[in-house]
Amino acid sequence: MEKQHKLLTMLKNPSYLQSSLTLLLFFASWGIWWSFFQLWLTSANNGLHLSGSAVGTVYSANSLVTLILMFVYGTLQDKLMIKRWLLIFCAVIATLTGPFVIYVYGPLLKTNFTLGIVVGAIVLSAGFLASAGIFEAVSERFSRRFNFEYGQARAWGSFGYAVVALIAGFLFVINPNLNFWGGSFFGLLLLLNLLFWKPKAERTADHQDAQATQTGQTPSLKDMVHLLKLPELWVIIIFIMFTWTFYTVFDQQMFPDFYTKLFASPELGQHMYGTLNSIQVFFEAIMMAVVPLIMRKIGVRKTLLLGVGVMCFRIGACGFATNPAAVSMIKMLHALEVPLFCLPMFRYFTLHFDTKLSASLYMIGFQVAAQVGQVILSTPLGTLRDHIGYSSTFRVISLTVLVAGVFAFFVLKKDDKDVRGEPLVQAKKLDFN
């Protein structure tokens, strides 16, 4: 009865519903083309047929611009608090995805590669790569402000990605341009949602925030700069660079092409990748709702370390698997890995740091750190793949994540130590006596 009551309360919460729809539409707008972006860059039949090092350069450029924008976005959103102006700006860019990629970005990469990666990095980073963290950070802030579970709202983002990933595989084989037009379609729905649906509680909170701004209660630029002086934040940055960065390069820059080449034809591989990706992200959405319960049971630190363990195993196992069935089963571990890593990482920040700076902390400590790693590592890892192949490269990445996991075991703070943010309320242990 208690669980049913909580579910009904959540479903009656307009802020939860609006945040869930916002995340669903954003990740749908992104996922319908991003899930096949690496294949679009490398495919000889349906894409640009770029080499591994060229793809690495594209990802490095994207990460560099994303890195810069994340500092700007995080600082700006902490000043805006729960205002949506930055989200609306990102949604406008998402709406223009189709025309930009088809008529500007793609042609430029063919005729003037350097100019193409610069222009593409600016637009794609502004609309998606840098904005993803802001959409998540704002939703997490809403969850604390308007009494709902962030993980359960974030699950709808994964669900949206799962649905479009299934469609994306079929669209990509027909014509990749359809994927980018799909991004524009969902981007337009996202924009309309942000412009016209604003729950009453949010309007009231906006007014309160305006008064807080006048009395100087919002975080200052000095507060944000002070973050970079915290040794404990740099520990997190190092940890992220040698875990999430390597995972991202593996999953986005290498795995799609590796997987599709396991099949008899590129078309069959692309169909299967789209289907598998959709199934995996669907289960990821379920785990997004389950992981908050796991955190309450075993704690934030242990959940995060569990996520690192799954990450290490999944990447390493792909370095030894040689057939589509085995790789497909290993890929499904992604559904555990992402929620077990991302959600406790976010909660670690709100547990051990000032929650007023949650957007800046998440952008700098997690997103920016990952982007710095990608800027440095995307091209070298792409070149390494060109020389030693996918399997050996995956083993190198897995070993790196393992070392980072051991590092994290000794440096991550326990949940009851240095609690400067919102304390973790753990579930009571069952008493069978």
Protein backbone atom coordinates (compact mmCIF):
# COMPACT_ATOMS: atom_id res chain seq x y z
CA MET A 1 0.00 0.00 0.00
CA GLU A 2 2.79 2.42 0.89
CA LYS A 3 4.56 1.83 -2.44
CA GLN A 4 1.29 2.35 -4.34
CA HIS A 5 0.70 5.59 -2.45
CA LYS A 6 4.20 6.85 -3.34
CA LEU A 7 3.65 5.94 -7.00
CA LEU A 8 0.32 7.77 -7.14
CA THR A 9 1.82 10.80 -5.40
CA MET A 10 4.65 10.88 -7.93
CA LEU A 11 2.30 10.57 -10.91
CA LYS A 12 0.24 13.48 -9.56
CA ASN A 13 3.36 15.65 -9.27
CA PRO A 14 3.37 18.03 -12.30
CA SER A 15 7.05 18.82 -11.85
CA TYR A 16 7.96 15.12 -12.07
CA LEU A 17 5.81 14.69 -15.18
CA GLN A 18 7.23 17.78 -16.86
CA SER A 19 10.84 16.87 -16.03
CA SER A 20 10.27 13.31 -17.26
CA LEU A 21 8.83 14.52 -20.57
CA THR A 22 11.67 17.03 -20.99
CA LEU A 23 14.31 14.33 -20.53
CA LEU A 24 12.42 11.90 -22.78
CA LEU A 25 12.23 14.43 -25.64
CA PHE A 26 15.82 15.64 -25.24
CA PHE A 27 17.29 12.14 -25.33
CA ALA A 28 14.97 11.17 -28.19
CA SER A 29 16.13 14.21 -30.18
CA TRP A 30 19.75 13.29 -29.48
CA GLY A 31 19.60 9.51 -29.63
CA ILE A 32 17.86 9.16 -33.00
CA TRP A 33 21.01 10.38 -34.76
CA TRP A 34 23.75 10.13 -32.11
CA SER A 35 23.36 6.36 -31.73
CA PHE A 36 24.48 6.05 -35.38
CA PHE A 37 26.84 9.04 -35.55
CA GLN A 38 30.01 6.94 -35.50
CA LEU A 39 28.60 4.68 -38.22
CA TRP A 40 27.65 7.73 -40.28
CA LEU A 41 31.23 8.95 -40.04
CA THR A 42 32.80 5.59 -40.99
CA SER A 43 30.29 3.86 -43.29
CA ALA A 44 31.32 3.59 -46.95
CA ASN A 45 27.73 3.11 -48.15
CA ASN A 46 25.66 5.29 -45.81
CA GLY A 47 28.17 7.78 -44.49
CA LEU A 48 31.41 9.70 -44.96
CA HIS A 49 33.87 6.75 -44.85
CA LEU A 50 36.35 8.43 -42.48
CA SER A 51 39.36 6.61 -41.00
CA GLY A 52 39.73 5.78 -37.31
CA SER A 53 42.15 8.65 -36.72
CA ALA A 54 39.84 11.10 -38.56
CA VAL A 55 36.90 9.97 -36.41
CA GLY A 56 39.09 10.45 -33.35
CA THR A 57 39.85 14.00 -34.50
CA VAL A 58 36.12 14.73 -34.88
CA TYR A 59 35.42 13.44 -31.38
CA SER A 60 38.39 15.35 -29.95
CA ALA A 61 37.18 18.61 -31.50
CA ASN A 62 33.67 17.99 -30.20
CA SER A 63 35.04 17.29 -26.73
CA LEU A 64 37.23 20.42 -26.72
CA VAL A 65 34.34 22.75 -27.52
CA THR A 66 32.06 20.83 -25.16
CA LEU A 67 34.65 21.29 -22.43
CA ILE A 68 34.58 25.07 -22.82
CA LEU A 69 30.80 25.27 -23.03
CA MET A 70 30.35 23.12 -19.94
CA PHE A 71 32.13 25.70 -17.80
CA VAL A 72 29.87 28.38 -19.26
CA TYR A 73 26.69 26.32 -19.02
CA GLY A 74 27.32 25.13 -15.45
CA THR A 75 28.13 28.63 -14.19
CA LEU A 76 25.19 30.18 -16.02
CA GLN A 77 22.66 27.59 -14.85
CA ASP A 78 23.70 27.94 -11.22
CA LYS A 79 22.98 31.66 -11.58
CA LEU A 80 19.66 30.95 -13.34
CA MET A 81 18.79 28.35 -10.67
CA ILE A 82 15.62 26.70 -12.07
CA LYS A 83 14.93 29.13 -14.91
CA ARG A 84 14.68 27.47 -18.32
CA TRP A 85 16.32 30.01 -20.63
CA LEU A 86 19.43 27.92 -21.20
CA LEU A 87 17.38 24.77 -21.84
CA ILE A 88 15.25 26.66 -24.37
CA PHE A 89 18.39 27.87 -26.17
CA CYS A 90 19.63 24.27 -26.43
CA ALA A 91 16.21 23.11 -27.66
CA VAL A 92 16.30 25.68 -30.47
CA ILE A 93 19.60 24.22 -31.69
CA ALA A 94 18.17 20.70 -31.42
CA THR A 95 15.30 21.78 -33.67
CA LEU A 96 17.84 22.79 -36.35
CA THR A 97 19.73 19.46 -36.31
CA GLY A 98 18.45 18.18 -39.67
CA PRO A 99 19.15 21.25 -41.82
CA PHE A 100 22.52 21.84 -40.17
CA VAL A 101 23.93 18.31 -40.59
CA ILE A 102 22.52 17.69 -44.07
CA TYR A 103 23.25 21.04 -45.69
CA VAL A 104 26.23 22.36 -43.71
CA TYR A 105 28.11 19.86 -41.55
CA GLY A 106 28.18 16.81 -43.83
CA PRO A 107 29.24 18.72 -46.98
CA LEU A 108 31.93 20.61 -45.04
CA LEU A 109 33.48 17.39 -43.68
CA LYS A 110 33.82 16.20 -47.30
CA THR A 111 35.16 19.41 -48.85
CA ASN A 112 36.90 21.23 -45.98
CA PHE A 113 37.48 18.80 -43.12
CA THR A 114 39.11 21.31 -40.74
CA LEU A 115 36.35 23.90 -41.10
CA GLY A 116 33.75 21.15 -40.86
CA ILE A 117 34.96 19.80 -37.52
CA VAL A 118 35.17 23.34 -36.08
CA VAL A 119 31.66 24.35 -37.13
CA GLY A 120 30.24 20.97 -36.18
CA ALA A 121 31.90 20.96 -32.79
CA ILE A 122 30.39 24.35 -31.94
CA VAL A 123 26.83 23.49 -32.97
CA LEU A 124 26.66 19.88 -31.78
CA SER A 125 28.28 20.76 -28.46
CA ALA A 126 25.99 23.73 -27.86
CA GLY A 127 22.83 21.77 -28.67
CA PHE A 128 23.59 18.30 -27.29
CA LEU A 129 27.03 17.33 -25.98
CA ALA A 130 27.34 20.16 -23.46
CA SER A 131 23.61 20.53 -22.84
CA ALA A 132 23.02 16.90 -21.80
CA GLY A 133 24.63 17.54 -18.42
CA ILE A 134 22.58 20.71 -17.94
CA PHE A 135 19.28 18.95 -18.66
CA GLU A 136 20.27 16.29 -16.12
CA ALA A 137 21.51 18.82 -13.54
CA VAL A 138 18.33 20.91 -13.79
CA SER A 139 16.16 17.80 -13.46
CA GLU A 140 18.14 16.70 -10.40
CA ARG A 141 17.69 20.18 -8.89
CA PHE A 142 13.94 19.99 -9.61
CA SER A 143 13.79 16.58 -7.88
CA ARG A 144 15.16 18.04 -4.66
CA ARG A 145 13.03 21.16 -4.95
CA PHE A 146 9.72 19.52 -5.88
CA ASN A 147 9.95 16.17 -4.06
CA PHE A 148 10.45 13.42 -6.61
CA GLU A 149 13.16 10.83 -7.30
CA TYR A 150 15.64 12.05 -9.92
CA GLY A 151 16.55 8.54 -11.10
CA GLN A 152 12.92 7.78 -11.92
CA ALA A 153 12.63 10.95 -14.01
CA ARG A 154 15.97 10.23 -15.71
CA ALA A 155 14.68 6.77 -16.59
CA TRP A 156 12.27 8.41 -19.04
CA GLY A 157 15.26 9.90 -20.82
CA SER A 158 16.69 6.43 -21.31
CA PHE A 159 13.29 5.17 -22.41
CA GLY A 160 13.10 7.90 -25.05
CA TYR A 161 16.58 7.00 -26.26
CA ALA A 162 15.60 3.31 -26.39
CA VAL A 163 12.51 3.91 -28.52
CA VAL A 164 14.30 6.10 -31.07
CA ALA A 165 17.35 3.80 -31.17
CA LEU A 166 15.06 1.04 -32.43
CA ILE A 167 13.66 3.33 -35.13
CA ALA A 168 17.08 4.77 -35.93
CA GLY A 169 18.49 1.47 -37.21
CA PHE A 170 15.77 1.16 -39.85
CA LEU A 171 15.99 4.84 -40.82
CA PHE A 172 19.78 4.73 -41.16
CA VAL A 173 19.68 1.87 -43.69
CA ILE A 174 17.04 3.70 -45.75
CA ASN A 175 18.69 7.15 -45.59
CA PRO A 176 20.80 8.60 -42.72
CA ASN A 177 19.27 12.02 -43.39
CA LEU A 178 16.03 10.71 -41.89
CA ASN A 179 17.83 10.27 -38.56
CA PHE A 180 18.85 13.91 -38.51
CA TRP A 181 15.37 15.09 -39.52
CA GLY A 182 14.06 12.96 -36.65
CA GLY A 183 16.36 14.90 -34.33
CA SER A 184 14.75 18.13 -35.52
CA PHE A 185 11.25 16.73 -35.00
CA PHE A 186 11.85 15.72 -31.39
CA GLY A 187 13.81 18.94 -30.83
CA LEU A 188 10.74 20.94 -31.86
CA LEU A 189 8.55 18.97 -29.42
CA LEU A 190 11.13 19.62 -26.70
CA LEU A 191 11.09 23.34 -27.44
CA LEU A 192 7.27 23.52 -27.29
CA ASN A 193 7.27 21.58 -24.01
CA LEU A 194 9.76 23.98 -22.41
CA LEU A 195 7.95 27.06 -23.65
CA PHE A 196 4.38 26.17 -22.77
CA TRP A 197 4.37 23.72 -19.82
CA LYS A 198 5.44 25.31 -16.57
CA PRO A 199 3.90 23.79 -13.40
CA LYS A 200 2.52 26.12 -10.74
CA ALA A 201 5.09 25.02 -8.15
CA GLU A 202 7.88 25.97 -10.53
CA ARG A 203 6.40 29.42 -11.14
CA THR A 204 6.21 29.99 -7.38
CA ALA A 205 9.79 28.81 -6.90
CA ASP A 206 10.94 31.11 -9.70
CA HIS A 207 9.53 34.06 -7.79
CA GLN A 208 11.29 32.95 -4.59
CA ASP A 209 14.56 32.56 -6.49
CA ALA A 210 14.22 36.07 -7.86
CA GLN A 211 14.00 37.38 -4.29
CA ALA A 212 17.00 35.25 -3.27
CA THR A 213 19.00 36.74 -6.14
CA GLN A 214 18.20 40.25 -4.92
CA THR A 215 19.39 39.39 -1.41
CA GLY A 216 22.62 37.80 -2.68
CA GLN A 217 21.77 34.20 -1.75
CA THR A 218 22.65 32.75 -5.16
CA PRO A 219 26.16 31.33 -5.68
CA SER A 220 28.73 33.90 -6.76
CA LEU A 221 31.48 33.58 -9.35
CA LYS A 222 33.93 33.49 -6.44
CA ASP A 223 32.13 30.41 -5.07
CA MET A 224 32.44 28.68 -8.42
CA VAL A 225 36.12 29.51 -8.87
CA HIS A 226 36.72 28.22 -5.34
CA LEU A 227 35.55 24.79 -6.49
CA LEU A 228 38.72 24.37 -8.54
CA LYS A 229 40.81 24.80 -5.39
CA LEU A 230 39.23 21.81 -3.67
CA PRO A 231 41.59 18.78 -3.61
CA GLU A 232 38.65 16.40 -3.24
CA LEU A 233 37.17 17.68 -6.53
CA TRP A 234 40.44 16.97 -8.35
CA VAL A 235 40.38 13.43 -6.99
CA ILE A 236 36.99 12.99 -8.67
CA ILE A 237 38.25 14.57 -11.90
CA ILE A 238 41.17 12.12 -12.09
CA PHE A 239 38.84 9.21 -11.35
CA ILE A 240 36.38 10.27 -14.08
CA MET A 241 39.11 10.81 -16.68
CA PHE A 242 40.34 7.24 -16.34
CA THR A 243 36.92 5.56 -16.15
CA TRP A 244 34.06 7.39 -17.85
CA THR A 245 36.33 8.89 -20.52
CA PHE A 246 37.62 5.49 -21.59
CA TYR A 247 34.11 4.08 -21.47
CA THR A 248 32.85 6.92 -23.72
CA VAL A 249 35.62 6.44 -26.30
CA PHE A 250 34.92 2.71 -26.29
CA ASP A 251 31.15 2.98 -26.53
CA GLN A 252 30.77 5.89 -28.94
CA GLN A 253 33.92 5.92 -31.02
CA MET A 254 34.61 2.19 -31.43
CA PHE A 255 31.85 -0.23 -30.45
CA PRO A 256 29.26 0.54 -33.20
CA ASP A 257 31.73 -0.14 -36.04
CA PHE A 258 33.22 -3.14 -34.19
CA TYR A 259 29.78 -4.70 -33.70
CA THR A 260 28.42 -4.17 -37.22
CA LYS A 261 31.54 -5.75 -38.75
CA LEU A 262 30.73 -9.02 -36.97
CA PHE A 263 27.87 -9.60 -39.44
CA ALA A 264 27.80 -10.78 -43.04
CA SER A 265 26.79 -7.38 -44.44
CA PRO A 266 26.92 -3.77 -43.17
CA GLU A 267 23.13 -3.44 -43.60
CA LEU A 268 22.42 -6.48 -41.40
CA GLY A 269 24.92 -5.25 -38.82
CA GLN A 270 23.31 -1.79 -38.73
CA HIS A 271 19.82 -3.30 -38.32
CA MET A 272 21.00 -5.55 -35.50
CA TYR A 273 22.92 -2.75 -33.79
CA GLY A 274 19.84 -0.53 -33.78
CA THR A 275 17.67 -3.30 -32.35
CA LEU A 276 20.23 -4.31 -29.71
CA ASN A 277 20.86 -0.70 -28.72
CA SER A 278 17.15 -0.12 -28.26
CA ILE A 279 16.68 -3.23 -26.08
CA GLN A 280 19.73 -2.34 -23.99
CA VAL A 281 18.61 1.25 -23.39
CA PHE A 282 15.10 0.06 -22.52
CA PHE A 283 16.54 -2.06 -19.70
CA GLU A 284 18.80 0.86 -18.79
CA ALA A 285 15.64 2.94 -18.26
CA ILE A 286 14.35 0.30 -15.84
CA MET A 287 17.66 0.31 -13.97
CA MET A 288 17.59 4.11 -13.72
CA ALA A 289 14.50 3.68 -11.56
CA VAL A 290 15.98 0.77 -9.58
CA VAL A 291 19.47 2.14 -8.81
CA PRO A 292 18.22 4.83 -6.36
CA LEU A 293 16.81 1.96 -4.29
CA ILE A 294 20.17 0.16 -4.47
CA MET A 295 21.94 3.33 -3.32
CA ARG A 296 19.66 3.58 -0.32
CA LYS A 297 20.39 -0.04 0.53
CA ILE A 298 24.17 -0.29 0.10
CA GLY A 299 25.21 3.38 -0.12
CA VAL A 300 26.49 5.77 -2.77
CA ARG A 301 30.18 4.80 -2.67
CA LYS A 302 29.58 1.05 -2.93
CA THR A 303 27.11 1.52 -5.78
CA LEU A 304 29.63 3.64 -7.69
CA LEU A 305 32.39 1.06 -7.22
CA LEU A 306 29.99 -1.63 -8.42
CA GLY A 307 29.42 0.41 -11.57
CA VAL A 308 33.18 0.61 -12.19
CA GLY A 309 33.42 -3.17 -11.81
CA VAL A 310 30.70 -3.76 -14.42
CA MET A 311 32.36 -1.23 -16.75
CA CYS A 312 35.74 -2.95 -16.52
CA PHE A 313 34.25 -6.40 -17.13
CA ARG A 314 32.08 -5.33 -20.08
CA ILE A 315 34.85 -3.57 -21.98
CA GLY A 316 37.36 -6.34 -21.28
CA ALA A 317 34.94 -9.09 -22.29
CA CYS A 318 34.42 -7.42 -25.68
CA GLY A 319 38.17 -7.76 -26.17
CA PHE A 320 37.87 -11.55 -26.09
CA ALA A 321 34.44 -12.22 -27.65
CA THR A 322 34.48 -13.06 -31.35
CA ASN A 323 30.87 -13.74 -32.36
CA PRO A 324 27.73 -11.53 -32.51
CA ALA A 325 25.76 -13.53 -29.93
CA ALA A 326 28.45 -13.25 -27.24
CA VAL A 327 29.07 -9.55 -27.92
CA SER A 328 25.31 -8.88 -27.84
CA MET A 329 24.99 -10.46 -24.40
CA ILE A 330 27.98 -8.48 -23.15
CA LYS A 331 26.47 -5.27 -24.56
CA MET A 332 23.41 -5.78 -22.36
CA LEU A 333 25.62 -5.13 -19.31
CA HIS A 334 25.55 -1.52 -20.48
CA ALA A 335 22.04 -1.40 -19.01
CA LEU A 336 23.58 -1.96 -15.56
CA GLU A 337 26.78 0.00 -16.07
CA VAL A 338 25.44 3.47 -16.93
CA PRO A 339 22.88 3.80 -14.08
CA LEU A 340 25.29 2.22 -11.56
CA PHE A 341 27.92 4.82 -12.47
CA CYS A 342 26.04 8.03 -13.34
CA LEU A 343 23.41 8.18 -10.60
CA PRO A 344 25.75 7.53 -7.64
CA MET A 345 28.29 9.94 -9.17
CA PHE A 346 25.68 12.68 -9.19
CA ARG A 347 24.57 11.77 -5.67
CA TYR A 348 28.20 11.79 -4.50
CA PHE A 349 28.39 15.48 -5.44
CA THR A 350 25.17 16.42 -3.65
CA LEU A 351 26.28 14.38 -0.62
CA HIS A 352 29.79 15.76 -0.11
CA PHE A 353 29.54 19.27 -1.65
CA ASP A 354 27.30 22.34 -1.36
CA THR A 355 24.06 21.63 -3.27
CA LYS A 356 23.77 25.30 -4.33
CA LEU A 357 26.59 24.59 -6.77
CA SER A 358 25.26 21.23 -7.97
CA ALA A 359 25.14 22.19 -11.66
CA SER A 360 28.71 23.54 -11.64
CA LEU A 361 29.95 20.54 -9.66
CA TYR A 362 28.35 18.07 -12.03
CA MET A 363 29.54 19.92 -15.13
CA ILE A 364 33.11 20.45 -13.88
CA GLY A 365 33.63 17.33 -11.81
CA PHE A 366 31.94 14.86 -14.12
CA GLN A 367 31.14 16.18 -17.58
CA VAL A 368 34.15 18.48 -18.01
CA ALA A 369 36.55 15.89 -16.65
CA ALA A 370 35.21 13.35 -19.15
CA GLN A 371 35.55 15.83 -22.01
CA VAL A 372 39.14 16.71 -21.07
CA GLY A 373 39.93 13.03 -21.23
CA GLN A 374 38.28 12.70 -24.62
CA VAL A 375 40.18 15.68 -26.02
CA ILE A 376 43.44 14.05 -24.95
CA LEU A 377 42.61 10.42 -25.68
CA SER A 378 40.18 10.18 -28.63
CA THR A 379 42.76 10.58 -31.40
CA PRO A 380 45.51 8.42 -29.76
CA LEU A 381 43.02 5.63 -29.03
CA GLY A 382 41.68 5.89 -32.58
CA THR A 383 45.22 5.58 -33.90
CA LEU A 384 45.89 2.67 -31.53
CA ARG A 385 42.80 0.94 -32.91
CA ASP A 386 44.07 1.46 -36.47
CA HIS A 387 47.35 -0.27 -35.55
CA ILE A 388 46.41 -3.11 -33.18
CA GLY A 389 42.69 -3.63 -33.86
CA TYR A 390 39.56 -3.37 -31.75
CA SER A 391 40.04 -6.39 -29.46
CA SER A 392 43.51 -5.43 -28.20
CA THR A 393 42.43 -1.81 -27.76
CA PHE A 394 39.46 -2.93 -25.66
CA ARG A 395 41.79 -4.89 -23.37
CA VAL A 396 43.99 -1.81 -22.88
CA ILE A 397 40.93 0.28 -22.00
CA SER A 398 39.61 -2.35 -19.58
CA LEU A 399 42.95 -2.55 -17.76
CA THR A 400 43.00 1.25 -17.41
CA VAL A 401 39.50 1.25 -15.89
CA LEU A 402 40.56 -1.51 -13.47
CA VAL A 403 43.49 0.59 -12.22
CA ALA A 404 41.18 3.61 -11.83
CA GLY A 405 38.75 1.45 -9.86
CA VAL A 406 41.47 0.45 -7.41
CA PHE A 407 42.39 4.13 -7.07
CA ALA A 408 38.73 4.99 -6.36
CA PHE A 409 38.46 2.31 -3.69
CA PHE A 410 41.08 4.12 -1.61
CA VAL A 411 40.18 7.78 -2.30
CA LEU A 412 36.38 8.00 -2.54
CA LYS A 413 34.81 9.20 0.69
CA LYS A 414 32.47 7.02 2.66
CA ASP A 415 28.87 8.18 2.79
CA ASP A 416 29.03 9.32 6.41
CA LYS A 417 32.27 11.27 6.02
CA ASP A 418 32.44 15.04 5.26
CA VAL A 419 28.73 15.38 4.50
CA ARG A 420 28.44 19.01 3.33
CA GLY A 421 25.37 18.56 1.16
CA GLU A 422 22.19 16.52 1.44
CA PRO A 423 22.65 13.44 3.70
CA LEU A 424 21.81 9.99 2.36
CA VAL A 425 18.76 8.40 3.96
CA GLN A 426 19.45 4.69 3.76
CA ALA A 427 16.77 2.04 3.83
CA LYS A 428 16.44 0.26 7.14
CA LYS A 429 17.92 -3.19 7.21
CA LEU A 430 15.38 -5.96 7.45
CA ASP A 431 15.16 -7.55 10.87
CA PHE A 432 14.36 -11.27 10.72
CA ASN A 433 14.71 -11.87 14.44
